[in-house]
Amino acid sequence: MSTDTGHISSTGDGSWALNSPEAQADWGYRAMHGSVSVAKELTKSYYRKAISYSYYSGCSTGGRQGLKEVQMFPDDFDGVLAGAPAWWTTHLQTWTVKLGLYNLPNDGANHIPASLFPVISAEILRQCDAQDGLADGIISDPYGCNFYPETLLCDQDPSPTNATAPSSPLYNANSSACLTGPQIDTLYHIYNNWVETNQTFVFPHLALGSEAQWSVLLDTSMTNSPNSLGTSWVANFLLSDPNWDYNNFSYNTVQLADAVNPGMANADDFDLTPFYKKGGKLLHYHGLSDGLIATGSSIYFYKQVLKTMIAKGVSLDDWYRFFLVPGMQHCTNSVNDAPWYFAGANQPFELGSSVYSVPGFSDPKHDILLALMAWTEEDKAPDSIIATKFANDSVTAPVVRQRPLCPFPTQARYVGTGNEDDPDSWECRGLY
């Protein structure tokens, strides 16, 4: 089943939520649970027998909805597949405003125009690609990259041969291929966590390698304001003031958001004991090149659940596994031909309206939904998921690359021999 959660709107338009707490609650959690309950009754009535297993698959807001189901209604589903979840609504939407403000005003010395996003991306790839152990055009470990952004500075001479900073082909005084000091400062804001007074963590930063999607949240050239995904939420959900001026944004806005939690949308109950005790299985994934929802938010979520459940004597590996996807953007697609397709939520439609599963590889090793089903019904836990990249993202074209995705915190590492585009040339390894 699927649901519009009680409203129809375009992306970034939150006007339907203005002064509508009931509509907000429908969007936050109620419509999904209600629709699931009705769908189950209809299914049982039609087939005249009880449902054996129920599964959920969703990404972005859909990922949040899946986690919300796990937390509030653990009996709704036996297996949940949650991709790039927008789970921390009160911090995600306000971070969206904050991120846009980093790059405003458009005529400020700090502003990085969209024309420089590819320049930044190229330098990050140059520095970070090989640091993950293999120069293959894919940044597999952006959090492990020691990035030196000052190589992008304008008006300086190339590094001397004995310098510790890496030299770069981008050293020049051409403003179309380099950054000024204030722009480098903006870059530091983008690539560092949002932290407030007394070291209060608010939201994680965009990962190195996410630049191909920066046009969504950081290109302010057309609107001269932060993306409406943030501003419209603050104005309509939180403040009930459609005339709210984003220039009045402050950390107080975040604190108010946490206090109100419009629609009870936050999926921030990290005690998943009821879902665990009923035998539920949770698979969670997030692209490492996501430019819409910082990948670190999923890492933070996983670690919070880990801390909560370990304190109760419950390990996660038997029922909750989390996979990072190198090169994948928000839910679908990738940069530099990184393997991204594993039949996750929303993914088949990117390859065609009639596509389902993984064409040519319809099995639990390649299809994450089938992996969830095998885990739930046969207790066969996925030790890896093989992601696929079809040429031109066409299922009728040859496979360009396949590579295993590994349960966090392990990472896929090249074994040193064999075709690097063959999944058999990789293995999941621990960090130490």
Protein backbone atom coordinates (compact mmCIF):
# COMPACT_ATOMS: atom_id res chain seq x y z
CA MET A 1 0.00 0.00 0.00
CA SER A 2 0.97 3.64 -0.30
CA THR A 3 -0.49 6.87 1.02
CA ASP A 4 -0.36 10.59 0.31
CA THR A 5 -0.52 11.06 4.13
CA GLY A 6 -3.58 13.28 3.73
CA HIS A 7 -2.35 16.05 1.45
CA ILE A 8 -1.13 16.77 -2.08
CA SER A 9 1.62 19.33 -2.61
CA SER A 10 4.76 20.04 -4.58
CA THR A 11 8.23 19.49 -3.13
CA GLY A 12 9.15 22.23 -0.70
CA ASP A 13 5.60 23.55 -0.36
CA GLY A 14 4.51 23.25 3.26
CA SER A 15 1.58 25.65 3.01
CA TRP A 16 -0.88 22.78 3.53
CA ALA A 17 0.42 22.46 7.10
CA LEU A 18 -0.30 26.08 8.06
CA ASN A 19 -2.49 26.16 11.17
CA SER A 20 -3.34 22.48 10.55
CA PRO A 21 -2.07 20.37 13.48
CA GLU A 22 -4.25 17.43 12.43
CA ALA A 23 -2.80 17.44 8.92
CA GLN A 24 0.67 17.65 10.44
CA ALA A 25 -0.05 14.62 12.62
CA ASP A 26 -1.28 12.70 9.57
CA TRP A 27 1.99 13.49 7.81
CA GLY A 28 4.08 12.84 10.90
CA TYR A 29 2.87 9.32 11.71
CA ARG A 30 -0.88 8.81 11.78
CA ALA A 31 -1.75 8.39 8.09
CA MET A 32 0.87 5.71 7.54
CA HIS A 33 -0.21 3.58 10.49
CA GLY A 34 -3.90 4.02 9.70
CA SER A 35 -3.38 3.13 6.04
CA VAL A 36 -1.35 0.05 6.97
CA SER A 37 -4.06 -1.15 9.35
CA VAL A 38 -6.79 -0.74 6.74
CA ALA A 39 -4.65 -2.33 4.00
CA LYS A 40 -4.04 -5.37 6.16
CA GLU A 41 -7.76 -5.82 6.79
CA LEU A 42 -8.52 -5.50 3.09
CA THR A 43 -5.78 -7.99 2.21
CA LYS A 44 -6.98 -10.54 4.74
CA SER A 45 -10.53 -10.15 3.53
CA TYR A 46 -9.58 -10.56 -0.12
CA TYR A 47 -7.35 -13.62 0.35
CA ARG A 48 -9.45 -15.03 3.19
CA LYS A 49 -6.42 -15.86 5.29
CA ALA A 50 -4.02 -14.19 7.66
CA ILE A 51 -1.00 -12.31 6.35
CA SER A 52 2.19 -14.30 6.86
CA TYR A 53 4.68 -11.41 6.70
CA SER A 54 4.47 -7.65 6.21
CA TYR A 55 7.31 -5.55 4.81
CA TYR A 56 8.03 -1.86 4.47
CA SER A 57 10.33 -0.08 2.01
CA GLY A 58 10.83 3.68 1.88
CA CYS A 59 13.51 6.31 1.37
CA SER A 60 13.95 9.92 2.55
CA THR A 61 10.62 10.89 4.13
CA GLY A 62 9.70 7.28 3.43
CA GLY A 63 12.73 6.19 5.41
CA ARG A 64 11.59 8.35 8.31
CA GLN A 65 8.13 6.84 8.11
CA GLY A 66 9.62 3.36 8.28
CA LEU A 67 11.61 4.19 11.41
CA LYS A 68 8.54 5.84 12.92
CA GLU A 69 6.59 2.62 12.36
CA VAL A 70 9.33 0.62 14.07
CA GLN A 71 9.23 2.97 17.06
CA MET A 72 5.51 3.65 17.50
CA PHE A 73 3.85 0.63 15.92
CA PRO A 74 6.34 -2.26 16.07
CA ASP A 75 3.69 -4.83 15.18
CA ASP A 76 2.87 -3.23 11.82
CA PHE A 77 5.79 -4.79 9.95
CA ASP A 78 8.01 -7.84 10.27
CA GLY A 79 10.77 -6.31 8.18
CA VAL A 80 11.56 -2.65 7.50
CA LEU A 81 13.84 -1.24 4.80
CA ALA A 82 14.69 2.40 5.55
CA GLY A 83 16.82 4.43 3.15
CA ALA A 84 18.37 7.87 3.81
CA PRO A 85 15.76 8.57 6.47
CA ALA A 86 14.74 12.16 7.21
CA TRP A 87 14.26 11.01 10.80
CA TRP A 88 15.33 14.12 12.73
CA THR A 89 12.79 16.53 11.29
CA THR A 90 13.24 19.36 13.79
CA HIS A 91 16.98 19.43 13.13
CA LEU A 92 17.04 18.45 9.45
CA GLN A 93 14.68 21.18 8.31
CA THR A 94 16.38 23.85 10.43
CA TRP A 95 19.80 22.65 9.22
CA THR A 96 18.53 23.14 5.68
CA VAL A 97 17.98 26.81 6.54
CA LYS A 98 21.36 27.05 8.28
CA LEU A 99 23.15 25.46 5.32
CA GLY A 100 21.64 27.97 2.91
CA LEU A 101 22.62 30.84 5.19
CA TYR A 102 26.24 29.71 5.05
CA ASN A 103 26.22 30.60 1.35
CA LEU A 104 24.31 33.88 1.61
CA PRO A 105 24.11 36.68 0.69
CA ASN A 106 24.71 36.04 -2.99
CA ASP A 107 26.82 39.17 -3.30
CA GLY A 108 28.83 38.40 -0.15
CA ALA A 109 32.53 37.57 -0.18
CA ASN A 110 31.65 34.23 1.43
CA HIS A 111 29.31 33.13 -1.37
CA ILE A 112 30.38 30.13 -3.46
CA PRO A 113 28.63 30.22 -6.85
CA ALA A 114 27.33 26.97 -8.31
CA SER A 115 29.93 27.21 -11.08
CA LEU A 116 32.58 26.37 -8.47
CA PHE A 117 30.84 23.25 -7.14
CA PRO A 118 32.45 21.02 -9.84
CA VAL A 119 35.84 22.58 -9.10
CA ILE A 120 35.51 21.69 -5.43
CA SER A 121 34.27 18.21 -6.33
CA ALA A 122 37.22 17.55 -8.63
CA GLU A 123 39.74 18.56 -5.97
CA ILE A 124 38.07 16.39 -3.34
CA LEU A 125 38.14 13.43 -5.70
CA ARG A 126 41.81 14.11 -6.45
CA GLN A 127 42.71 14.13 -2.77
CA CYS A 128 40.31 11.55 -1.33
CA ASP A 129 39.99 8.85 -3.97
CA ALA A 130 43.27 7.06 -3.33
CA GLN A 131 43.14 7.61 0.44
CA ASP A 132 40.53 4.84 0.70
CA GLY A 133 43.05 2.34 -0.63
CA LEU A 134 42.26 2.34 -4.35
CA ALA A 135 42.24 5.09 -6.99
CA ASP A 136 39.09 4.04 -8.84
CA GLY A 137 37.09 7.26 -9.13
CA ILE A 138 34.96 6.39 -6.07
CA ILE A 139 35.43 7.94 -2.65
CA SER A 140 34.67 4.92 -0.50
CA ASP A 141 35.60 6.48 2.83
CA PRO A 142 34.93 10.24 2.84
CA TYR A 143 35.04 10.37 6.64
CA GLY A 144 38.54 8.92 6.55
CA CYS A 145 39.84 11.45 4.03
CA ASN A 146 42.28 14.09 5.25
CA PHE A 147 41.13 16.88 2.96
CA TYR A 148 43.19 20.05 2.62
CA PRO A 149 40.83 22.65 1.10
CA GLU A 150 43.46 25.37 0.97
CA THR A 151 44.75 23.85 -2.25
CA LEU A 152 41.80 25.63 -3.84
CA LEU A 153 42.93 29.10 -2.73
CA CYS A 154 43.41 31.73 -5.42
CA ASP A 155 46.51 33.88 -5.90
CA GLN A 156 49.23 31.67 -4.53
CA ASP A 157 52.20 29.90 -5.99
CA PRO A 158 52.34 26.14 -6.33
CA SER A 159 53.56 24.32 -3.25
CA PRO A 160 57.32 23.81 -3.06
CA THR A 161 58.48 20.25 -3.39
CA ASN A 162 59.17 19.94 0.33
CA ALA A 163 55.77 21.32 1.42
CA THR A 164 53.49 19.13 3.53
CA ALA A 165 50.31 20.35 1.81
CA PRO A 166 49.41 18.56 -1.41
CA SER A 167 50.07 20.42 -4.62
CA SER A 168 47.12 20.97 -6.91
CA PRO A 169 46.56 21.78 -10.58
CA LEU A 170 44.01 24.34 -9.38
CA TYR A 171 46.55 26.78 -7.94
CA ASN A 172 45.97 29.94 -10.00
CA ALA A 173 44.40 33.36 -9.89
CA ASN A 174 41.46 32.43 -12.11
CA SER A 175 38.34 33.00 -10.00
CA SER A 176 36.46 30.46 -12.11
CA ALA A 177 38.72 27.67 -10.85
CA CYS A 178 39.72 28.69 -7.32
CA LEU A 179 38.30 29.97 -4.03
CA THR A 180 39.01 33.06 -1.96
CA GLY A 181 39.71 32.97 1.76
CA PRO A 182 36.09 33.80 2.75
CA GLN A 183 34.83 31.10 0.37
CA ILE A 184 37.18 28.59 2.01
CA ASP A 185 35.62 29.59 5.33
CA THR A 186 32.19 28.75 3.89
CA LEU A 187 33.56 25.41 2.79
CA TYR A 188 34.65 24.71 6.35
CA HIS A 189 31.11 25.44 7.56
CA ILE A 190 29.65 23.04 4.99
CA TYR A 191 32.07 20.22 5.85
CA ASN A 192 31.85 20.55 9.64
CA ASN A 193 29.10 19.61 12.06
CA TRP A 194 26.68 22.28 13.22
CA VAL A 195 27.56 22.79 16.87
CA GLU A 196 26.10 25.44 19.16
CA THR A 197 26.90 26.84 22.63
CA ASN A 198 28.42 24.43 25.17
CA GLN A 199 29.34 22.02 22.39
CA THR A 200 25.70 21.23 21.70
CA PHE A 201 25.58 19.01 18.62
CA VAL A 202 22.77 20.08 16.26
CA PHE A 203 23.30 18.28 12.96
CA PRO A 204 26.08 16.58 10.98
CA HIS A 205 27.80 18.03 7.93
CA LEU A 206 27.57 17.10 4.28
CA ALA A 207 30.12 14.45 3.38
CA LEU A 208 33.09 14.98 1.09
CA GLY A 209 31.94 13.81 -2.33
CA SER A 210 28.37 15.15 -2.05
CA GLU A 211 29.03 18.22 -4.24
CA ALA A 212 27.17 16.94 -7.33
CA GLN A 213 23.89 17.49 -5.43
CA TRP A 214 24.78 20.83 -3.85
CA SER A 215 22.59 22.63 -6.37
CA VAL A 216 19.55 21.65 -4.32
CA LEU A 217 20.46 23.14 -0.94
CA LEU A 218 23.42 25.43 -1.61
CA ASP A 219 22.72 27.09 -4.95
CA THR A 220 20.95 30.25 -3.75
CA SER A 221 21.46 32.19 -6.98
CA MET A 222 17.85 32.01 -8.18
CA THR A 223 15.98 32.44 -4.89
CA ASN A 224 18.47 34.46 -2.82
CA SER A 225 17.24 32.43 0.15
CA PRO A 226 17.74 29.00 1.74
CA ASN A 227 15.87 26.11 0.16
CA SER A 228 12.13 26.10 0.84
CA LEU A 229 12.39 22.58 2.27
CA GLY A 230 13.69 24.38 5.33
CA THR A 231 12.08 27.81 5.25
CA SER A 232 8.59 26.56 4.38
CA TRP A 233 8.74 24.03 7.22
CA VAL A 234 9.72 26.70 9.75
CA ALA A 235 7.09 29.14 8.49
CA ASN A 236 4.17 26.72 8.15
CA PHE A 237 4.77 23.78 10.47
CA LEU A 238 6.56 25.50 13.32
CA LEU A 239 5.66 29.19 13.49
CA SER A 240 2.33 29.28 11.62
CA ASP A 241 3.60 32.46 9.99
CA PRO A 242 3.78 32.35 6.17
CA ASN A 243 5.50 35.75 6.22
CA TRP A 244 8.39 34.59 8.41
CA ASP A 245 11.72 36.15 7.43
CA TYR A 246 14.58 33.65 7.34
CA ASN A 247 16.93 36.44 8.43
CA ASN A 248 15.41 36.02 11.88
CA PHE A 249 16.59 32.42 12.06
CA SER A 250 18.68 31.45 15.10
CA TYR A 251 19.39 28.49 17.34
CA ASN A 252 16.27 29.51 19.25
CA THR A 253 14.33 28.27 16.23
CA VAL A 254 15.81 24.79 16.71
CA GLN A 255 15.04 24.81 20.41
CA LEU A 256 11.43 25.79 19.70
CA ALA A 257 11.19 23.08 17.06
CA ASP A 258 12.36 20.45 19.55
CA ALA A 259 9.83 21.66 22.09
CA VAL A 260 6.91 21.61 19.61
CA ASN A 261 7.95 18.70 17.33
CA PRO A 262 5.24 19.50 14.76
CA GLY A 263 3.19 16.45 13.85
CA MET A 264 5.32 14.32 16.20
CA ALA A 265 7.41 13.69 13.09
CA ASN A 266 10.77 13.06 14.76
CA ALA A 267 11.68 9.38 14.68
CA ASP A 268 14.05 9.79 17.60
CA ASP A 269 13.04 7.06 20.03
CA PHE A 270 16.25 5.02 20.04
CA ASP A 271 14.87 2.29 22.30
CA LEU A 272 13.73 -0.25 19.71
CA THR A 273 13.16 -3.00 22.27
CA PRO A 274 9.53 -3.75 21.28
CA PHE A 275 10.48 -4.23 17.61
CA TYR A 276 13.44 -6.39 18.61
CA LYS A 277 11.40 -8.55 20.98
CA LYS A 278 8.74 -9.25 18.37
CA GLY A 279 11.47 -10.59 16.05
CA GLY A 280 11.48 -7.66 13.63
CA LYS A 281 14.33 -7.05 11.20
CA LEU A 282 15.58 -3.61 10.14
CA LEU A 283 17.82 -2.84 7.16
CA HIS A 284 18.98 0.77 6.89
CA TYR A 285 21.11 2.37 4.17
CA HIS A 286 22.38 5.79 3.14
CA GLY A 287 24.41 7.07 0.18
CA LEU A 288 27.79 8.57 1.01
CA SER A 289 27.33 11.24 -1.70
CA ASP A 290 23.91 12.37 -0.49
CA GLY A 291 23.60 16.15 -0.91
CA LEU A 292 20.08 16.50 0.53
CA ILE A 293 20.21 14.67 3.86
CA ALA A 294 23.64 14.53 5.44
CA THR A 295 24.82 10.91 5.56
CA GLY A 296 26.11 11.51 9.06
CA SER A 297 22.53 11.73 10.33
CA SER A 298 22.09 8.02 9.63
CA ILE A 299 25.43 7.23 11.27
CA TYR A 300 24.32 9.25 14.30
CA PHE A 301 20.99 7.42 14.42
CA TYR A 302 22.65 4.00 14.27
CA LYS A 303 25.10 4.90 17.03
CA GLN A 304 22.32 6.25 19.26
CA VAL A 305 20.37 3.01 18.85
CA LEU A 306 23.56 1.05 19.49
CA LYS A 307 24.24 2.90 22.76
CA THR A 308 20.65 2.54 23.89
CA MET A 309 20.29 -1.15 23.11
CA ILE A 310 23.74 -2.24 24.29
CA ALA A 311 22.91 -0.70 27.67
CA LYS A 312 19.94 -3.08 27.74
CA GLY A 313 22.12 -6.07 26.89
CA VAL A 314 20.89 -6.26 23.28
CA SER A 315 23.37 -6.37 20.37
CA LEU A 316 22.23 -5.06 16.99
CA ASP A 317 23.77 -7.46 14.51
CA ASP A 318 21.03 -10.08 14.85
CA TRP A 319 18.20 -7.74 13.86
CA TYR A 320 19.46 -4.30 12.69
CA ARG A 321 22.12 -3.74 10.03
CA PHE A 322 23.16 -0.47 8.43
CA PHE A 323 24.87 -0.08 5.04
CA LEU A 324 26.69 2.94 3.64
CA VAL A 325 26.72 3.20 -0.17
CA PRO A 326 29.89 4.82 -1.61
CA GLY A 327 29.09 7.30 -4.37
CA MET A 328 25.31 7.03 -4.09
CA GLN A 329 23.36 10.27 -3.92
CA HIS A 330 19.98 10.81 -2.27
CA CYS A 331 18.20 7.44 -2.49
CA THR A 332 19.15 6.87 -6.14
CA ASN A 333 21.86 7.45 -8.75
CA SER A 334 25.56 8.00 -8.14
CA VAL A 335 28.67 9.93 -9.07
CA ASN A 336 31.56 8.59 -11.15
CA ASP A 337 29.73 5.37 -12.07
CA ALA A 338 29.69 4.10 -8.50
CA PRO A 339 27.44 1.03 -8.09
CA TRP A 340 24.19 2.26 -6.55
CA TYR A 341 21.38 -0.03 -7.63
CA PHE A 342 20.17 -2.75 -5.26
CA ALA A 343 16.37 -2.39 -5.63
CA GLY A 344 16.07 -0.01 -2.70
CA ALA A 345 13.03 2.22 -2.29
CA ASN A 346 12.43 4.48 -5.34
CA GLN A 347 15.32 2.89 -7.23
CA PRO A 348 13.55 0.70 -9.83
CA PHE A 349 11.64 3.70 -11.22
CA GLU A 350 14.95 5.37 -12.03
CA LEU A 351 15.69 2.53 -14.45
CA GLY A 352 12.23 2.27 -15.97
CA SER A 353 8.56 2.07 -15.07
CA SER A 354 8.46 -1.70 -15.56
CA VAL A 355 11.71 -2.51 -13.72
CA TYR A 356 11.58 -4.51 -10.51
CA SER A 357 14.18 -6.30 -8.39
CA VAL A 358 17.68 -6.32 -10.00
CA PRO A 359 17.42 -7.46 -13.64
CA GLY A 360 19.73 -10.40 -14.17
CA PHE A 361 20.51 -10.64 -10.46
CA SER A 362 17.16 -11.17 -8.75
CA ASP A 363 18.39 -12.77 -5.54
CA PRO A 364 19.05 -11.79 -1.91
CA LYS A 365 22.72 -11.08 -2.66
CA HIS A 366 21.86 -8.22 -5.02
CA ASP A 367 18.31 -7.19 -4.08
CA ILE A 368 18.10 -5.63 -0.60
CA LEU A 369 14.36 -6.22 -0.27
CA LEU A 370 14.84 -9.91 -1.04
CA ALA A 371 17.69 -9.88 1.49
CA LEU A 372 15.31 -8.48 4.10
CA MET A 373 12.77 -11.18 3.31
CA ALA A 374 15.39 -13.95 3.53
CA TRP A 375 16.56 -12.57 6.87
CA THR A 376 13.03 -12.31 8.25
CA GLU A 377 11.67 -15.61 6.98
CA GLU A 378 14.76 -17.83 6.83
CA ASP A 379 17.08 -16.17 9.36
CA LYS A 380 19.71 -15.64 6.65
CA ALA A 381 21.33 -12.36 7.65
CA PRO A 382 22.91 -10.29 4.85
CA ASP A 383 26.68 -10.12 5.37
CA SER A 384 26.85 -7.84 2.33
CA ILE A 385 24.65 -6.49 -0.45
CA ILE A 386 26.08 -6.31 -3.97
CA ALA A 387 25.33 -2.96 -5.62
CA THR A 388 25.17 -2.75 -9.42
CA LYS A 389 25.86 0.01 -11.91
CA PHE A 390 24.35 -0.50 -15.38
CA ALA A 391 25.85 1.47 -18.26
CA ASN A 392 23.84 4.66 -18.73
CA ASP A 393 21.56 3.35 -15.98
CA SER A 394 19.82 1.17 -18.55
CA VAL A 395 18.92 -2.42 -17.70
CA THR A 396 19.40 -3.35 -21.35
CA ALA A 397 23.02 -2.17 -21.22
CA PRO A 398 26.00 -4.08 -19.80
CA VAL A 399 26.94 -3.97 -16.14
CA VAL A 400 29.75 -1.46 -15.59
CA ARG A 401 30.55 -2.29 -11.99
CA GLN A 402 29.40 -4.34 -9.05
CA ARG A 403 30.67 -3.96 -5.53
CA PRO A 404 29.68 -5.23 -2.09
CA LEU A 405 28.12 -2.92 0.47
CA CYS A 406 29.18 -3.83 3.98
CA PRO A 407 27.41 -3.68 7.35
CA PHE A 408 28.56 -0.64 9.30
CA PRO A 409 31.21 -0.13 10.57
CA THR A 410 32.98 -2.58 8.23
CA GLN A 411 34.06 -1.34 4.80
CA ALA A 412 34.58 -2.94 1.40
CA ARG A 413 38.28 -3.29 0.65
CA TYR A 414 39.96 -4.38 -2.58
CA VAL A 415 41.77 -7.67 -2.02
CA GLY A 416 44.68 -6.55 -4.21
CA THR A 417 44.13 -8.82 -7.19
CA GLY A 418 41.41 -9.30 -9.78
CA ASN A 419 39.12 -6.95 -11.66
CA GLU A 420 38.22 -4.05 -9.36
CA ASP A 421 34.77 -3.92 -10.98
CA ASP A 422 34.07 -7.53 -9.95
CA PRO A 423 32.48 -7.93 -6.50
CA ASP A 424 34.61 -11.03 -5.89
CA SER A 425 37.68 -8.77 -5.81
CA TRP A 426 36.40 -7.12 -2.63
CA GLU A 427 35.80 -8.14 0.95
CA CYS A 428 34.23 -6.56 4.01
CA ARG A 429 36.84 -5.68 6.61
CA GLY A 430 36.77 -4.18 10.06
CA LEU A 431 38.46 -0.88 10.77
CA TYR A 432 41.23 -2.45 12.84
